[in-house]
Amino acid sequence: MGNFTLHTVESSPAPSRDAMNAVGKKFGFIPNLIRELAAAPAAVNAYVTLNGIFDGTSLTPVERQIVLVTTSVENTCEYCVAAHTAGLKMAGLADDQIEAVRERRPLANPKLDALRRLTTAVVNNRGWIGDADLEAFLQAGYSREQVLEVLVGVAMKTLSNYANHIAQTPLDKQFEAFAWAPAMTNA
């Protein structure tokens, strides 16, 4: 695996260039994930489109990043955990709470923890969440509509998590301070 091209805007297929330029304008650089996805216009455009749709949900910036980091932790995507840890920091979540998300520990805010737990259940159970998972999420103050919004974030992150696994995406220097590796567990 690996050996995927890290495209520049100029080296990418023409149908990928608008997405690459939009990401570069938004973040001030084009992350390696986008540079790899650009090889397949359908992949880069799907990811960027889903990202825009997810940004338009009723979830707050912190809530959206919790969904993205939690999905990435559960899928053991080192690249995306690092990238979206930067997002959590920019969104204003406290450092100790960021570490809690990265380490699968409960969050101090019960509502945010309900979001983290629901996202974990969705990813680990492939959407087959239990009644108790759903009820805990709703009791925390979320709506049924927001359950579906969480799915948009999980879908977007699953696309990038799997792409990073296959391509072995190198971490951008902008995310190095947030590097992450899964905790070792006893089998």
Protein backbone atom coordinates (compact mmCIF):
# COMPACT_ATOMS: atom_id res chain seq x y z
CA MET A 1 0.00 0.00 0.00
CA GLY A 2 0.99 3.62 -0.04
CA ASN A 3 2.84 5.28 -2.90
CA PHE A 4 -0.10 7.51 -3.77
CA THR A 5 0.69 10.79 -5.48
CA LEU A 6 0.51 13.97 -3.45
CA HIS A 7 -0.91 16.14 -6.23
CA THR A 8 -0.48 19.85 -6.60
CA VAL A 9 -3.33 21.80 -8.13
CA GLU A 10 -1.42 21.80 -11.41
CA SER A 11 -0.72 18.05 -11.44
CA SER A 12 -4.23 17.02 -10.45
CA PRO A 13 -6.99 16.13 -12.91
CA ALA A 14 -8.90 19.24 -13.98
CA PRO A 15 -12.14 18.19 -12.22
CA SER A 16 -10.26 18.10 -8.88
CA ARG A 17 -8.82 21.60 -9.08
CA ASP A 18 -11.79 23.62 -7.83
CA ALA A 19 -12.02 21.47 -4.70
CA MET A 20 -8.28 21.73 -4.12
CA ASN A 21 -8.32 25.50 -4.56
CA ALA A 22 -11.30 25.87 -2.21
CA VAL A 23 -9.55 23.84 0.51
CA GLY A 24 -6.31 25.78 0.01
CA LYS A 25 -8.16 29.08 0.33
CA LYS A 26 -10.03 27.93 3.45
CA PHE A 27 -7.00 26.56 5.32
CA GLY A 28 -4.06 28.40 3.80
CA PHE A 29 -2.57 25.13 2.53
CA ILE A 30 -3.78 21.95 0.87
CA PRO A 31 -3.59 19.02 3.32
CA ASN A 32 -1.99 15.81 2.11
CA LEU A 33 -5.32 13.98 2.34
CA ILE A 34 -6.82 16.33 -0.26
CA ARG A 35 -3.68 16.10 -2.39
CA GLU A 36 -4.09 12.31 -2.47
CA LEU A 37 -7.86 12.30 -2.98
CA ALA A 38 -7.38 14.68 -5.92
CA ALA A 39 -6.21 11.75 -8.06
CA ALA A 40 -9.88 10.74 -8.23
CA PRO A 41 -12.11 13.77 -8.80
CA ALA A 42 -15.12 11.84 -7.46
CA ALA A 43 -13.29 11.18 -4.17
CA VAL A 44 -12.00 14.70 -3.55
CA ASN A 45 -15.28 16.29 -4.61
CA ALA A 46 -17.30 13.88 -2.45
CA TYR A 47 -15.14 14.63 0.57
CA VAL A 48 -15.20 18.41 0.11
CA THR A 49 -18.95 18.40 -0.59
CA LEU A 50 -19.71 16.26 2.48
CA ASN A 51 -17.49 18.55 4.55
CA GLY A 52 -19.49 21.58 3.40
CA ILE A 53 -22.78 19.83 4.11
CA PHE A 54 -21.58 18.77 7.57
CA ASP A 55 -20.46 22.33 8.32
CA GLY A 56 -24.04 23.42 7.57
CA THR A 57 -25.65 21.16 10.16
CA SER A 58 -27.12 22.35 13.44
CA LEU A 59 -24.14 20.93 15.35
CA THR A 60 -21.73 23.52 16.73
CA PRO A 61 -18.11 23.65 15.53
CA VAL A 62 -16.98 21.85 18.73
CA GLU A 63 -19.68 19.21 18.30
CA ARG A 64 -18.75 18.63 14.66
CA GLN A 65 -15.09 18.21 15.54
CA ILE A 66 -15.98 15.78 18.35
CA VAL A 67 -17.81 13.64 15.78
CA LEU A 68 -14.80 13.79 13.43
CA VAL A 69 -12.16 13.05 16.08
CA THR A 70 -14.24 10.29 17.67
CA THR A 71 -14.83 8.62 14.31
CA SER A 72 -11.13 8.85 13.53
CA VAL A 73 -10.12 7.44 16.92
CA GLU A 74 -12.49 4.50 16.50
CA ASN A 75 -11.18 3.91 12.96
CA THR A 76 -7.57 4.34 14.23
CA CYS A 77 -6.77 7.01 11.65
CA GLU A 78 -3.67 8.75 12.95
CA TYR A 79 -3.79 11.41 10.23
CA CYS A 80 -7.39 12.48 10.86
CA VAL A 81 -7.09 12.42 14.65
CA ALA A 82 -4.17 14.85 14.37
CA ALA A 83 -5.89 17.07 11.79
CA HIS A 84 -9.17 17.29 13.68
CA THR A 85 -7.44 17.75 17.02
CA ALA A 86 -6.23 21.00 15.46
CA GLY A 87 -9.88 21.66 14.60
CA LEU A 88 -11.00 21.00 18.18
CA LYS A 89 -8.35 23.37 19.46
CA MET A 90 -9.43 26.08 16.99
CA ALA A 91 -13.07 25.51 17.99
CA GLY A 92 -12.15 26.23 21.60
CA LEU A 93 -12.42 22.90 23.42
CA ALA A 94 -10.14 22.77 26.48
CA ASP A 95 -6.94 20.74 26.14
CA ASP A 96 -7.92 18.24 28.84
CA GLN A 97 -11.21 17.59 27.05
CA ILE A 98 -9.44 17.20 23.71
CA GLU A 99 -7.25 14.55 25.31
CA ALA A 100 -10.34 12.86 26.73
CA VAL A 101 -11.81 12.52 23.22
CA ARG A 102 -8.50 11.20 21.87
CA GLU A 103 -8.22 8.71 24.75
CA ARG A 104 -11.87 7.53 24.66
CA ARG A 105 -12.57 8.97 28.11
CA PRO A 106 -15.76 10.70 29.25
CA LEU A 107 -16.01 14.44 28.72
CA ALA A 108 -16.82 16.83 31.57
CA ASN A 109 -19.77 18.23 29.63
CA PRO A 110 -22.53 15.57 29.72
CA LYS A 111 -24.07 16.73 26.43
CA LEU A 112 -20.76 16.58 24.57
CA ASP A 113 -20.05 13.21 26.13
CA ALA A 114 -23.41 11.91 24.90
CA LEU A 115 -22.36 12.99 21.40
CA ARG A 116 -19.01 11.24 21.76
CA ARG A 117 -20.70 8.06 23.01
CA LEU A 118 -23.30 8.05 20.23
CA THR A 119 -20.61 8.55 17.59
CA THR A 120 -18.58 5.71 19.10
CA ALA A 121 -21.64 3.44 19.02
CA VAL A 122 -22.45 4.36 15.41
CA VAL A 123 -18.91 3.64 14.21
CA ASN A 124 -18.28 0.50 16.23
CA ASN A 125 -21.71 -1.02 15.59
CA ARG A 126 -21.92 0.08 11.95
CA GLY A 127 -25.03 2.08 12.68
CA TRP A 128 -26.79 -0.61 14.72
CA ILE A 129 -27.06 1.51 17.85
CA GLY A 130 -29.13 0.33 20.77
CA ASP A 131 -32.22 2.00 22.16
CA ALA A 132 -30.20 3.06 25.22
CA ASP A 133 -27.61 4.80 22.99
CA LEU A 134 -30.31 6.75 21.19
CA GLU A 135 -32.22 7.58 24.37
CA ALA A 136 -29.07 8.86 26.13
CA PHE A 137 -28.34 11.13 23.15
CA LEU A 138 -31.88 12.50 23.10
CA GLN A 139 -31.97 12.94 26.89
CA ALA A 140 -28.76 14.98 26.68
CA GLY A 141 -30.61 17.57 24.62
CA TYR A 142 -30.03 16.46 21.05
CA SER A 143 -32.74 15.75 18.49
CA ARG A 144 -33.47 12.83 16.21
CA GLU A 145 -32.49 15.07 13.30
CA GLN A 146 -29.07 15.53 14.88
CA VAL A 147 -28.62 11.75 14.95
CA LEU A 148 -28.82 11.91 11.17
CA GLU A 149 -26.43 14.87 11.07
CA VAL A 150 -23.91 12.80 13.04
CA LEU A 151 -24.15 10.21 10.26
CA VAL A 152 -23.05 12.83 7.71
CA GLY A 153 -19.90 13.46 9.77
CA VAL A 154 -19.26 9.75 10.24
CA ALA A 155 -19.66 9.15 6.49
CA MET A 156 -17.29 11.99 5.63
CA LYS A 157 -14.67 10.81 8.12
CA THR A 158 -14.98 7.17 7.15
CA LEU A 159 -14.15 8.14 3.56
CA SER A 160 -11.02 10.00 4.65
CA ASN A 161 -10.03 7.49 7.35
CA TYR A 162 -10.10 4.63 4.86
CA ALA A 163 -8.30 6.68 2.20
CA ASN A 164 -5.56 7.48 4.72
CA HIS A 165 -5.25 3.81 5.69
CA ILE A 166 -4.86 2.74 2.07
CA ALA A 167 -2.63 5.61 0.96
CA GLN A 168 -0.62 5.81 4.20
CA THR A 169 -0.99 9.58 4.07
CA PRO A 170 2.00 11.44 5.52
CA LEU A 171 1.11 13.90 8.27
CA ASP A 172 1.33 17.55 7.27
CA LYS A 173 3.77 19.67 9.26
CA GLN A 174 0.80 21.86 10.27
CA PHE A 175 -0.61 18.91 12.23
CA GLU A 176 2.60 17.49 13.71
CA ALA A 177 1.99 19.11 17.11
CA PHE A 178 -1.22 17.06 17.32
CA ALA A 179 0.23 13.71 16.26
CA TRP A 180 -1.61 10.72 17.70
CA ALA A 181 -1.13 6.98 17.84
CA PRO A 182 -3.67 4.49 19.16
CA ALA A 183 -3.12 3.21 22.67
CA MET A 184 -1.80 -0.30 22.87
CA THR A 185 -4.33 -2.74 24.27
CA ASN A 186 -3.96 -6.29 25.50
CA ALA A 187 -5.59 -8.76 23.16
